[in-house]
Each structure stands twice: as C-alpha cells, then as structure tokens.
Amino acid sequence: MKIIETNIKDVLIIEPKVFFDERGYFFESFNEVNFQKYGIQSHFVQDNISKSSKNTVRGLHFQINPFAQGKLIKVLKGAVQDIAVDLREASATYGQYTNILLSEENHRILYIPTGFAHGFLTLEDDTIFSYKCTAPYNKEAERVIVWNDSFLNIKWDTNNPIISEKDLKGKAFTEFKGLF
C-alpha cells in the first residue's frame, strides 16, 4: 500500500497494490497492521453502502461526540468527487476541505478521522459507495452543513445536483463552532 498525504493533515489517500491477471484483479483494502503504522484508527464498528444516480450530492454530514465518526471510504462501482471539511478549530486547516476523486478505476481508499464533515458527488450512474465507520450512526448526534455553503465555497463538479430534503435543510458552516 502507498499512503498519500492530502492538503489537510490526517486525511490520507491509500493506494493499494492491485494485482491484475486474466481473471480480473485482487487488492487488499484493509490491513490493520499497515494502517496502524500510519496512525489510522482501525477499530471500525459499522459498514455502510449506498447506491446513487449520477449528480447526487450526499452531505455534508458529521456526528458530534460521543458518536463522532472516522471513515474509511472506497468506491466499488462508478466514481465520486469526495469532500472532507476540517471542523477541528485548533487545526491550521480549519474550514478547508479536500477534494479527492475516488473511483472503481483508481481503487483509491480515503481515510477521514473524526472532526470532519463529509460529502460526495456521484459522477456516474449507479455509483456504489462503501465506507467503514469508527462509531455507530446516531440520529440525535448527526449534523448537516448545507452542500453549497458560501463560506466553504466548494467547487462541486455539477450544475444539476440531486439533493435530499435533509441535505437541503443543512445549516451554515459557521453555525458549528466549538464541536471539535
């Protein structure tokens, strides 16, 4: 595995070694020992999978303590523009975001620790998105930053997003101070 640092400390891209032959391919998507070498929390308690149409924006979601989630993300089919927003006020990159292409073609895996809001845009129809979480989902702990927040000014790769009612009702980034 190759670990690539992003523009935000602690958000890491994992490029697995992929072995191809006439049958297809094989790669190791999780290895606790290797991940621990890079400080990646390896106690995951929940796996989630979503399937979405092209141009679907999901997020920007996060959970507050004690249910704050770290995530280990990969795309099984299709492609996404993946966004992680730094909510850690003591961080030098507070209020900044990563913008990473994850796809079934590049096999990249993204690690996002606690203290981040997360969202993604599907770039292909029938995109299947998979992620492990370090804490279980808790409805009362969930928070949503509106996808088109003016402070964050995320450059989404679509002009026609499909967005859920819940995500349309997200709040401004500036309303979530002092959580991490």
N, C-alpha and C. Protein backbone atom coordinates (compact mmCIF):
# COMPACT_ATOMS: atom_id res chain seq x y z
N MET A 1 0.84 -1.18 0.00
CA MET A 1 0.00 0.00 0.00
C MET A 1 0.88 1.24 0.00
N LYS A 2 0.37 2.24 -0.67
CA LYS A 2 1.04 3.53 -0.68
C LYS A 2 0.11 4.52 0.03
N ILE A 3 0.66 5.28 0.97
CA ILE A 3 -0.11 6.28 1.70
C ILE A 3 0.28 7.65 1.19
N ILE A 4 -0.74 8.45 0.81
CA ILE A 4 -0.51 9.78 0.25
C ILE A 4 -1.18 10.80 1.17
N GLU A 5 -0.41 11.78 1.62
CA GLU A 5 -0.99 12.84 2.42
C GLU A 5 -1.77 13.79 1.52
N THR A 6 -2.82 14.38 2.06
CA THR A 6 -3.62 15.36 1.32
C THR A 6 -3.25 16.76 1.81
N ASN A 7 -3.96 17.75 1.33
CA ASN A 7 -3.74 19.12 1.76
C ASN A 7 -4.15 19.36 3.21
N ILE A 8 -4.82 18.38 3.82
CA ILE A 8 -5.24 18.51 5.22
C ILE A 8 -4.61 17.38 6.03
N LYS A 9 -3.89 17.76 7.08
CA LYS A 9 -3.23 16.78 7.94
C LYS A 9 -4.24 15.75 8.44
N ASP A 10 -3.84 14.51 8.42
CA ASP A 10 -4.60 13.37 8.95
C ASP A 10 -5.62 12.79 7.97
N VAL A 11 -5.96 13.47 6.90
CA VAL A 11 -6.80 12.88 5.85
C VAL A 11 -5.84 12.24 4.86
N LEU A 12 -5.98 10.93 4.69
CA LEU A 12 -5.00 10.18 3.91
C LEU A 12 -5.64 9.42 2.75
N ILE A 13 -4.94 9.40 1.63
CA ILE A 13 -5.33 8.56 0.49
C ILE A 13 -4.50 7.29 0.58
N ILE A 14 -5.17 6.17 0.45
CA ILE A 14 -4.49 4.88 0.46
C ILE A 14 -4.60 4.30 -0.94
N GLU A 15 -3.45 4.05 -1.56
CA GLU A 15 -3.43 3.41 -2.88
C GLU A 15 -2.97 1.97 -2.69
N PRO A 16 -3.89 1.03 -2.78
CA PRO A 16 -3.50 -0.36 -2.59
C PRO A 16 -2.72 -0.88 -3.80
N LYS A 17 -1.92 -1.89 -3.57
CA LYS A 17 -1.25 -2.57 -4.67
C LYS A 17 -2.29 -3.49 -5.30
N VAL A 18 -2.57 -3.27 -6.58
CA VAL A 18 -3.60 -4.04 -7.28
C VAL A 18 -2.92 -5.05 -8.20
N PHE A 19 -3.34 -6.30 -8.09
CA PHE A 19 -2.79 -7.38 -8.90
C PHE A 19 -3.81 -7.76 -9.97
N PHE A 20 -3.43 -7.58 -11.24
CA PHE A 20 -4.32 -7.88 -12.36
C PHE A 20 -3.86 -9.17 -13.06
N ASP A 21 -4.79 -9.94 -13.54
CA ASP A 21 -4.50 -11.06 -14.45
C ASP A 21 -5.73 -11.32 -15.30
N GLU A 22 -5.73 -12.41 -16.04
CA GLU A 22 -6.83 -12.68 -16.97
C GLU A 22 -8.18 -12.88 -16.26
N ARG A 23 -8.16 -13.15 -14.97
CA ARG A 23 -9.41 -13.34 -14.21
C ARG A 23 -10.02 -12.03 -13.75
N GLY A 24 -9.19 -10.99 -13.65
CA GLY A 24 -9.65 -9.71 -13.10
C GLY A 24 -8.57 -9.09 -12.25
N TYR A 25 -8.92 -8.72 -11.02
CA TYR A 25 -7.93 -8.12 -10.12
C TYR A 25 -8.17 -8.53 -8.68
N PHE A 26 -7.16 -8.29 -7.85
CA PHE A 26 -7.22 -8.52 -6.42
C PHE A 26 -6.44 -7.40 -5.74
N PHE A 27 -6.98 -6.89 -4.61
CA PHE A 27 -6.21 -5.98 -3.77
C PHE A 27 -6.70 -6.07 -2.33
N GLU A 28 -5.80 -5.74 -1.43
CA GLU A 28 -6.10 -5.71 -0.01
C GLU A 28 -6.64 -4.32 0.31
N SER A 29 -7.90 -4.24 0.74
CA SER A 29 -8.49 -2.93 1.01
C SER A 29 -8.37 -2.51 2.46
N PHE A 30 -8.01 -3.45 3.32
CA PHE A 30 -7.82 -3.12 4.73
C PHE A 30 -6.81 -4.06 5.32
N ASN A 31 -5.85 -3.49 6.05
CA ASN A 31 -4.85 -4.29 6.76
C ASN A 31 -4.55 -3.53 8.05
N GLU A 32 -5.04 -4.03 9.16
CA GLU A 32 -4.94 -3.32 10.43
C GLU A 32 -3.50 -2.96 10.80
N VAL A 33 -2.57 -3.88 10.61
CA VAL A 33 -1.17 -3.62 10.96
C VAL A 33 -0.61 -2.48 10.11
N ASN A 34 -0.81 -2.53 8.81
CA ASN A 34 -0.31 -1.45 7.94
C ASN A 34 -0.98 -0.12 8.25
N PHE A 35 -2.28 -0.14 8.49
CA PHE A 35 -2.98 1.10 8.78
C PHE A 35 -2.50 1.72 10.08
N GLN A 36 -2.25 0.90 11.09
CA GLN A 36 -1.78 1.43 12.38
C GLN A 36 -0.43 2.11 12.25
N LYS A 37 0.42 1.63 11.33
CA LYS A 37 1.72 2.26 11.11
C LYS A 37 1.56 3.73 10.71
N TYR A 38 0.45 4.06 10.07
CA TYR A 38 0.21 5.43 9.60
C TYR A 38 -0.78 6.18 10.48
N GLY A 39 -1.08 5.62 11.65
CA GLY A 39 -1.94 6.31 12.60
C GLY A 39 -3.41 6.23 12.27
N ILE A 40 -3.78 5.32 11.41
CA ILE A 40 -5.19 5.17 11.04
C ILE A 40 -5.88 4.31 12.08
N GLN A 41 -6.92 4.88 12.68
CA GLN A 41 -7.69 4.14 13.67
C GLN A 41 -8.28 2.91 13.00
N SER A 42 -8.11 1.77 13.63
CA SER A 42 -8.55 0.55 12.97
C SER A 42 -9.73 -0.12 13.65
N HIS A 43 -10.33 0.53 14.61
CA HIS A 43 -11.50 -0.06 15.26
C HIS A 43 -12.77 0.46 14.58
N PHE A 44 -13.17 -0.23 13.54
CA PHE A 44 -14.37 0.15 12.81
C PHE A 44 -15.54 -0.68 13.31
N VAL A 45 -16.68 -0.03 13.51
CA VAL A 45 -17.82 -0.70 14.13
C VAL A 45 -19.04 -0.82 13.21
N GLN A 46 -18.99 -0.17 12.06
CA GLN A 46 -20.15 -0.19 11.17
C GLN A 46 -19.69 -0.02 9.74
N ASP A 47 -20.28 -0.79 8.82
CA ASP A 47 -20.05 -0.65 7.38
C ASP A 47 -21.33 -0.15 6.73
N ASN A 48 -21.20 0.79 5.78
CA ASN A 48 -22.36 1.32 5.06
C ASN A 48 -22.08 1.26 3.57
N ILE A 49 -23.14 1.06 2.79
CA ILE A 49 -23.05 1.08 1.33
C ILE A 49 -24.23 1.87 0.80
N SER A 50 -23.95 2.75 -0.16
CA SER A 50 -25.03 3.47 -0.83
C SER A 50 -24.89 3.32 -2.34
N LYS A 51 -26.00 3.37 -3.02
CA LYS A 51 -26.03 3.37 -4.48
C LYS A 51 -26.75 4.65 -4.89
N SER A 52 -26.17 5.37 -5.85
CA SER A 52 -26.73 6.67 -6.22
C SER A 52 -26.68 6.90 -7.72
N SER A 53 -27.62 7.70 -8.18
CA SER A 53 -27.65 8.16 -9.57
C SER A 53 -26.56 9.21 -9.78
N LYS A 54 -26.20 9.42 -11.03
CA LYS A 54 -25.23 10.46 -11.37
C LYS A 54 -25.74 11.82 -10.89
N ASN A 55 -24.82 12.65 -10.41
CA ASN A 55 -25.07 14.02 -9.93
C ASN A 55 -25.76 14.09 -8.57
N THR A 56 -25.74 12.99 -7.82
CA THR A 56 -26.28 13.01 -6.47
C THR A 56 -25.21 13.56 -5.52
N VAL A 57 -25.61 14.55 -4.73
CA VAL A 57 -24.74 15.06 -3.67
C VAL A 57 -25.29 14.53 -2.36
N ARG A 58 -24.43 13.87 -1.60
CA ARG A 58 -24.78 13.40 -0.25
C ARG A 58 -23.85 14.11 0.72
N GLY A 59 -24.44 14.81 1.67
CA GLY A 59 -23.62 15.51 2.66
C GLY A 59 -23.86 17.00 2.60
N LEU A 60 -23.20 17.62 3.43
CA LEU A 60 -22.00 17.37 4.21
C LEU A 60 -22.42 16.93 5.61
N HIS A 61 -22.15 15.68 5.96
CA HIS A 61 -22.61 15.09 7.21
C HIS A 61 -21.47 14.91 8.21
N PHE A 62 -21.83 14.97 9.47
CA PHE A 62 -20.92 14.57 10.55
C PHE A 62 -21.75 14.30 11.79
N GLN A 63 -21.13 13.66 12.76
CA GLN A 63 -21.77 13.41 14.05
C GLN A 63 -20.92 14.02 15.15
N ILE A 64 -21.60 14.52 16.18
CA ILE A 64 -20.90 15.11 17.31
C ILE A 64 -20.57 14.01 18.33
N ASN A 65 -19.63 14.33 19.23
CA ASN A 65 -19.26 13.39 20.30
C ASN A 65 -20.44 13.08 21.19
N PRO A 66 -20.58 11.88 21.71
CA PRO A 66 -19.60 10.81 21.67
C PRO A 66 -19.73 9.89 20.44
N PHE A 67 -20.46 10.32 19.44
CA PHE A 67 -20.68 9.49 18.25
C PHE A 67 -19.93 9.98 17.01
N ALA A 68 -18.94 10.86 17.21
CA ALA A 68 -18.14 11.35 16.08
C ALA A 68 -17.52 10.16 15.36
N GLN A 69 -17.52 10.23 14.02
CA GLN A 69 -17.07 9.10 13.21
C GLN A 69 -15.83 9.42 12.40
N GLY A 70 -14.87 8.50 12.44
CA GLY A 70 -13.83 8.44 11.43
C GLY A 70 -14.36 7.52 10.34
N LYS A 71 -13.91 7.71 9.10
CA LYS A 71 -14.42 6.90 7.99
C LYS A 71 -13.29 6.41 7.10
N LEU A 72 -13.46 5.20 6.60
CA LEU A 72 -12.58 4.59 5.62
C LEU A 72 -13.45 4.33 4.40
N ILE A 73 -13.18 5.05 3.30
CA ILE A 73 -14.09 5.16 2.17
C ILE A 73 -13.51 4.57 0.90
N LYS A 74 -14.36 3.90 0.13
CA LYS A 74 -13.96 3.45 -1.21
C LYS A 74 -15.19 3.37 -2.10
N VAL A 75 -14.93 3.45 -3.40
CA VAL A 75 -15.99 3.32 -4.40
C VAL A 75 -15.87 1.93 -5.02
N LEU A 76 -16.95 1.18 -4.98
CA LEU A 76 -16.96 -0.17 -5.54
C LEU A 76 -17.32 -0.16 -7.03
N LYS A 77 -18.17 0.81 -7.41
CA LYS A 77 -18.60 0.94 -8.81
C LYS A 77 -18.83 2.41 -9.09
N GLY A 78 -18.36 2.89 -10.23
CA GLY A 78 -18.57 4.29 -10.59
C GLY A 78 -17.45 5.18 -10.10
N ALA A 79 -17.82 6.43 -9.78
CA ALA A 79 -16.83 7.43 -9.36
C ALA A 79 -17.50 8.52 -8.56
N VAL A 80 -16.73 9.12 -7.64
CA VAL A 80 -17.24 10.24 -6.85
C VAL A 80 -16.19 11.33 -6.72
N GLN A 81 -16.68 12.53 -6.52
CA GLN A 81 -15.88 13.65 -6.05
C GLN A 81 -16.10 13.66 -4.54
N ASP A 82 -15.08 13.33 -3.77
CA ASP A 82 -15.22 13.19 -2.33
C ASP A 82 -14.68 14.42 -1.61
N ILE A 83 -15.44 14.90 -0.64
CA ILE A 83 -15.11 16.13 0.07
C ILE A 83 -15.06 15.85 1.57
N ALA A 84 -13.99 16.29 2.22
CA ALA A 84 -13.87 16.23 3.68
C ALA A 84 -13.54 17.64 4.17
N VAL A 85 -14.37 18.17 5.07
CA VAL A 85 -14.21 19.53 5.59
C VAL A 85 -13.67 19.47 7.01
N ASP A 86 -12.58 20.17 7.26
CA ASP A 86 -11.94 20.19 8.58
C ASP A 86 -12.76 21.05 9.55
N LEU A 87 -13.29 20.40 10.60
CA LEU A 87 -14.07 21.10 11.63
C LEU A 87 -13.28 21.30 12.93
N ARG A 88 -12.01 20.92 12.92
CA ARG A 88 -11.17 21.00 14.12
C ARG A 88 -10.63 22.42 14.28
N GLU A 89 -11.21 23.16 15.21
CA GLU A 89 -10.87 24.58 15.35
C GLU A 89 -9.40 24.84 15.65
N ALA A 90 -8.72 23.91 16.29
CA ALA A 90 -7.30 24.10 16.61
C ALA A 90 -6.39 23.76 15.42
N SER A 91 -6.97 23.26 14.35
CA SER A 91 -6.20 22.85 13.17
C SER A 91 -5.85 24.06 12.31
N ALA A 92 -4.67 24.02 11.71
CA ALA A 92 -4.25 25.07 10.78
C ALA A 92 -5.11 25.09 9.52
N THR A 93 -5.82 23.99 9.26
CA THR A 93 -6.66 23.89 8.05
C THR A 93 -8.15 23.94 8.39
N TYR A 94 -8.50 24.47 9.55
CA TYR A 94 -9.90 24.61 9.94
C TYR A 94 -10.67 25.35 8.84
N GLY A 95 -11.81 24.78 8.44
CA GLY A 95 -12.64 25.41 7.42
C GLY A 95 -12.20 25.14 6.00
N GLN A 96 -11.13 24.38 5.82
CA GLN A 96 -10.69 24.00 4.49
C GLN A 96 -11.18 22.58 4.18
N TYR A 97 -11.10 22.21 2.90
CA TYR A 97 -11.59 20.89 2.52
C TYR A 97 -10.65 20.20 1.53
N THR A 98 -10.76 18.87 1.51
CA THR A 98 -10.08 18.08 0.49
C THR A 98 -11.08 17.82 -0.62
N ASN A 99 -10.58 17.58 -1.81
CA ASN A 99 -11.42 17.28 -2.97
C ASN A 99 -10.70 16.15 -3.71
N ILE A 100 -11.17 14.92 -3.53
CA ILE A 100 -10.47 13.73 -4.00
C ILE A 100 -11.37 12.93 -4.94
N LEU A 101 -10.81 12.50 -6.07
CA LEU A 101 -11.53 11.60 -6.98
C LEU A 101 -11.31 10.17 -6.50
N LEU A 102 -12.40 9.49 -6.20
CA LEU A 102 -12.38 8.07 -5.86
C LEU A 102 -13.19 7.33 -6.92
N SER A 103 -12.64 6.24 -7.42
CA SER A 103 -13.37 5.52 -8.47
C SER A 103 -13.05 4.03 -8.45
N GLU A 104 -13.87 3.28 -9.15
CA GLU A 104 -13.59 1.85 -9.30
C GLU A 104 -12.33 1.65 -10.14
N GLU A 105 -11.96 2.64 -10.94
CA GLU A 105 -10.77 2.55 -11.79
C GLU A 105 -9.48 2.81 -11.01
N ASN A 106 -9.48 3.82 -10.13
CA ASN A 106 -8.23 4.15 -9.43
C ASN A 106 -8.06 3.37 -8.11
N HIS A 107 -9.11 2.71 -7.64
CA HIS A 107 -9.07 1.86 -6.44
C HIS A 107 -8.61 2.59 -5.18
N ARG A 108 -8.61 3.90 -5.20
CA ARG A 108 -8.16 4.65 -4.03
C ARG A 108 -9.14 4.49 -2.87
N ILE A 109 -8.58 4.53 -1.69
CA ILE A 109 -9.33 4.47 -0.44
C ILE A 109 -8.99 5.76 0.32
N LEU A 110 -9.98 6.35 0.97
CA LEU A 110 -9.74 7.60 1.69
C LEU A 110 -10.03 7.39 3.17
N TYR A 111 -9.09 7.83 4.00
CA TYR A 111 -9.29 7.81 5.45
C TYR A 111 -9.55 9.23 5.94
N ILE A 112 -10.69 9.40 6.62
CA ILE A 112 -11.06 10.69 7.21
C ILE A 112 -11.24 10.46 8.70
N PRO A 113 -10.44 11.09 9.56
CA PRO A 113 -10.59 10.91 11.01
C PRO A 113 -11.80 11.67 11.54
N THR A 114 -12.06 11.53 12.84
CA THR A 114 -13.12 12.32 13.46
C THR A 114 -12.76 13.80 13.37
N GLY A 115 -13.78 14.64 13.44
CA GLY A 115 -13.54 16.08 13.38
C GLY A 115 -13.71 16.65 11.98
N PHE A 116 -14.34 15.89 11.10
CA PHE A 116 -14.56 16.33 9.72
C PHE A 116 -16.01 16.12 9.32
N ALA A 117 -16.51 17.03 8.48
CA ALA A 117 -17.77 16.80 7.79
C ALA A 117 -17.41 16.12 6.48
N HIS A 118 -18.31 15.30 5.98
CA HIS A 118 -18.02 14.52 4.77
C HIS A 118 -19.21 14.58 3.81
N GLY A 119 -18.88 14.64 2.53
CA GLY A 119 -19.89 14.57 1.49
C GLY A 119 -19.27 14.12 0.20
N PHE A 120 -20.14 13.75 -0.75
CA PHE A 120 -19.62 13.35 -2.05
C PHE A 120 -20.65 13.60 -3.14
N LEU A 121 -20.14 13.71 -4.35
CA LEU A 121 -20.94 13.86 -5.56
C LEU A 121 -20.67 12.66 -6.45
N THR A 122 -21.73 11.98 -6.88
CA THR A 122 -21.54 10.84 -7.79
C THR A 122 -21.35 11.36 -9.21
N LEU A 123 -20.35 10.83 -9.88
CA LEU A 123 -20.00 11.27 -11.23
C LEU A 123 -20.51 10.32 -12.31
N GLU A 124 -21.05 9.16 -11.89
CA GLU A 124 -21.59 8.18 -12.83
C GLU A 124 -22.88 7.60 -12.26
N ASP A 125 -23.75 7.13 -13.14
CA ASP A 125 -24.96 6.44 -12.70
C ASP A 125 -24.60 5.15 -11.98
N ASP A 126 -25.46 4.77 -11.06
CA ASP A 126 -25.32 3.51 -10.31
C ASP A 126 -23.99 3.40 -9.57
N THR A 127 -23.51 4.53 -9.04
CA THR A 127 -22.28 4.51 -8.25
C THR A 127 -22.56 3.84 -6.92
N ILE A 128 -21.68 2.90 -6.56
CA ILE A 128 -21.80 2.20 -5.28
C ILE A 128 -20.63 2.65 -4.41
N PHE A 129 -20.97 3.21 -3.27
CA PHE A 129 -20.05 3.86 -2.34
C PHE A 129 -20.05 3.07 -1.04
N SER A 130 -18.86 2.74 -0.54
CA SER A 130 -18.75 1.92 0.66
C SER A 130 -17.87 2.63 1.69
N TYR A 131 -18.29 2.57 2.96
CA TYR A 131 -17.44 3.16 3.98
C TYR A 131 -17.63 2.48 5.33
N LYS A 132 -16.49 2.37 6.03
CA LYS A 132 -16.45 1.85 7.38
C LYS A 132 -16.46 3.05 8.32
N CYS A 133 -17.10 2.91 9.48
CA CYS A 133 -17.18 3.99 10.46
C CYS A 133 -16.63 3.54 11.81
N THR A 134 -16.02 4.48 12.53
CA THR A 134 -15.44 4.18 13.83
C THR A 134 -16.44 4.32 14.97
N ALA A 135 -17.64 4.79 14.67
CA ALA A 135 -18.71 4.89 15.67
C ALA A 135 -20.03 4.59 14.95
N PRO A 136 -21.02 4.09 15.69
CA PRO A 136 -22.30 3.79 15.05
C PRO A 136 -23.07 5.06 14.70
N TYR A 137 -23.97 4.92 13.75
CA TYR A 137 -24.84 6.05 13.40
C TYR A 137 -25.75 6.35 14.59
N ASN A 138 -25.92 7.65 14.89
CA ASN A 138 -26.82 8.09 15.93
C ASN A 138 -27.55 9.33 15.42
N LYS A 139 -28.84 9.18 15.19
CA LYS A 139 -29.64 10.26 14.59
C LYS A 139 -29.54 11.58 15.38
N GLU A 140 -29.56 11.50 16.70
CA GLU A 140 -29.52 12.72 17.52
C GLU A 140 -28.16 13.42 17.44
N ALA A 141 -27.11 12.68 17.12
CA ALA A 141 -25.77 13.26 17.03
C ALA A 141 -25.43 13.77 15.63
N GLU A 142 -26.28 13.46 14.65
CA GLU A 142 -26.00 13.84 13.27
C GLU A 142 -26.22 15.33 13.05
N ARG A 143 -25.31 15.92 12.28
CA ARG A 143 -25.40 17.32 11.87
C ARG A 143 -25.15 17.39 10.37
N VAL A 144 -25.70 18.43 9.74
CA VAL A 144 -25.55 18.60 8.29
C VAL A 144 -25.18 20.05 7.99
N ILE A 145 -24.08 20.22 7.26
CA ILE A 145 -23.71 21.52 6.71
C ILE A 145 -24.29 21.56 5.30
N VAL A 146 -24.93 22.64 4.95
CA VAL A 146 -25.54 22.74 3.62
C VAL A 146 -24.47 22.56 2.54
N TRP A 147 -24.79 21.81 1.53
CA TRP A 147 -23.83 21.40 0.49
C TRP A 147 -23.19 22.59 -0.23
N ASN A 148 -23.92 23.70 -0.36
CA ASN A 148 -23.41 24.86 -1.10
C ASN A 148 -23.09 26.03 -0.18
N ASP A 149 -22.59 25.73 1.01
CA ASP A 149 -22.26 26.74 2.00
C ASP A 149 -21.34 27.81 1.39
N SER A 150 -21.68 29.07 1.59
CA SER A 150 -20.93 30.17 0.96
C SER A 150 -19.54 30.35 1.56
N PHE A 151 -19.37 30.07 2.84
CA PHE A 151 -18.04 30.18 3.45
C PHE A 151 -17.10 29.13 2.88
N LEU A 152 -17.55 27.89 2.79
CA LEU A 152 -16.70 26.81 2.27
C LEU A 152 -16.44 26.95 0.78
N ASN A 153 -17.46 27.40 0.04
CA ASN A 153 -17.34 27.62 -1.41
C ASN A 153 -16.75 26.41 -2.15
N ILE A 154 -17.34 25.24 -1.90
CA ILE A 154 -16.87 24.00 -2.53
C ILE A 154 -17.19 24.04 -4.02
N LYS A 155 -16.22 23.66 -4.81
CA LYS A 155 -16.37 23.63 -6.27
C LYS A 155 -16.85 22.23 -6.68
N TRP A 156 -18.16 22.02 -6.58
CA TRP A 156 -18.75 20.75 -6.99
C TRP A 156 -18.71 20.62 -8.50
N ASP A 157 -18.49 19.42 -9.01
CA ASP A 157 -18.39 19.17 -10.45
C ASP A 157 -19.74 18.89 -11.09
N THR A 158 -20.74 19.71 -10.75
CA THR A 158 -22.07 19.57 -11.35
C THR A 158 -22.80 20.90 -11.30
N ASN A 159 -23.69 21.07 -12.24
CA ASN A 159 -24.59 22.23 -12.22
C ASN A 159 -26.01 21.82 -11.87
N ASN A 160 -26.26 20.51 -11.82
CA ASN A 160 -27.59 19.96 -11.61
C ASN A 160 -27.61 18.92 -10.50
N PRO A 161 -27.30 19.27 -9.27
CA PRO A 161 -27.23 18.24 -8.24
C PRO A 161 -28.60 17.70 -7.82
N ILE A 162 -28.61 16.42 -7.47
CA ILE A 162 -29.78 15.79 -6.86
C ILE A 162 -29.48 15.75 -5.37
N ILE A 163 -30.34 16.38 -4.56
CA ILE A 163 -30.05 16.54 -3.13
C ILE A 163 -31.28 16.16 -2.31
N SER A 164 -31.07 15.45 -1.24
CA SER A 164 -32.18 15.05 -0.36
C SER A 164 -32.74 16.26 0.38
N GLU A 165 -33.97 16.11 0.85
CA GLU A 165 -34.62 17.15 1.65
C GLU A 165 -33.78 17.47 2.90
N LYS A 166 -33.27 16.43 3.56
CA LYS A 166 -32.45 16.62 4.76
C LYS A 166 -31.22 17.46 4.45
N ASP A 167 -30.55 17.17 3.34
CA ASP A 167 -29.33 17.90 3.00
C ASP A 167 -29.62 19.33 2.54
N LEU A 168 -30.77 19.55 1.92
CA LEU A 168 -31.15 20.91 1.54
C LEU A 168 -31.38 21.79 2.77
N LYS A 169 -31.75 21.17 3.90
CA LYS A 169 -32.01 21.90 5.14
C LYS A 169 -30.76 22.03 6.02
N GLY A 170 -29.60 21.66 5.48
CA GLY A 170 -28.36 21.79 6.25
C GLY A 170 -28.12 23.23 6.68
N LYS A 171 -27.30 23.38 7.70
CA LYS A 171 -27.01 24.72 8.24
C LYS A 171 -25.65 25.21 7.75
N ALA A 172 -25.40 26.48 7.97
CA ALA A 172 -24.13 27.10 7.56
C ALA A 172 -22.97 26.55 8.38
N PHE A 173 -21.82 26.46 7.75
CA PHE A 173 -20.59 26.01 8.41
C PHE A 173 -20.35 26.79 9.70
N THR A 174 -20.55 28.09 9.67
CA THR A 174 -20.25 28.95 10.82
C THR A 174 -21.14 28.69 12.04
N GLU A 175 -22.20 27.91 11.87
CA GLU A 175 -23.07 27.58 12.98
C GLU A 175 -22.54 26.41 13.82
N PHE A 176 -21.45 25.81 13.39
CA PHE A 176 -20.94 24.61 14.07
C PHE A 176 -19.58 24.84 14.72
N LYS A 177 -19.45 25.90 15.46
CA LYS A 177 -18.18 26.18 16.16
C LYS A 177 -18.13 25.44 17.49
N GLY A 178 -16.91 25.10 17.90
CA GLY A 178 -16.69 24.53 19.23
C GLY A 178 -17.06 23.07 19.38
N LEU A 179 -17.19 22.35 18.28
CA LEU A 179 -17.58 20.94 18.38
C LEU A 179 -16.38 20.01 18.42
N PHE A 180 -15.27 20.43 17.79
CA PHE A 180 -14.08 19.57 17.73
C PHE A 180 -12.83 20.38 18.04
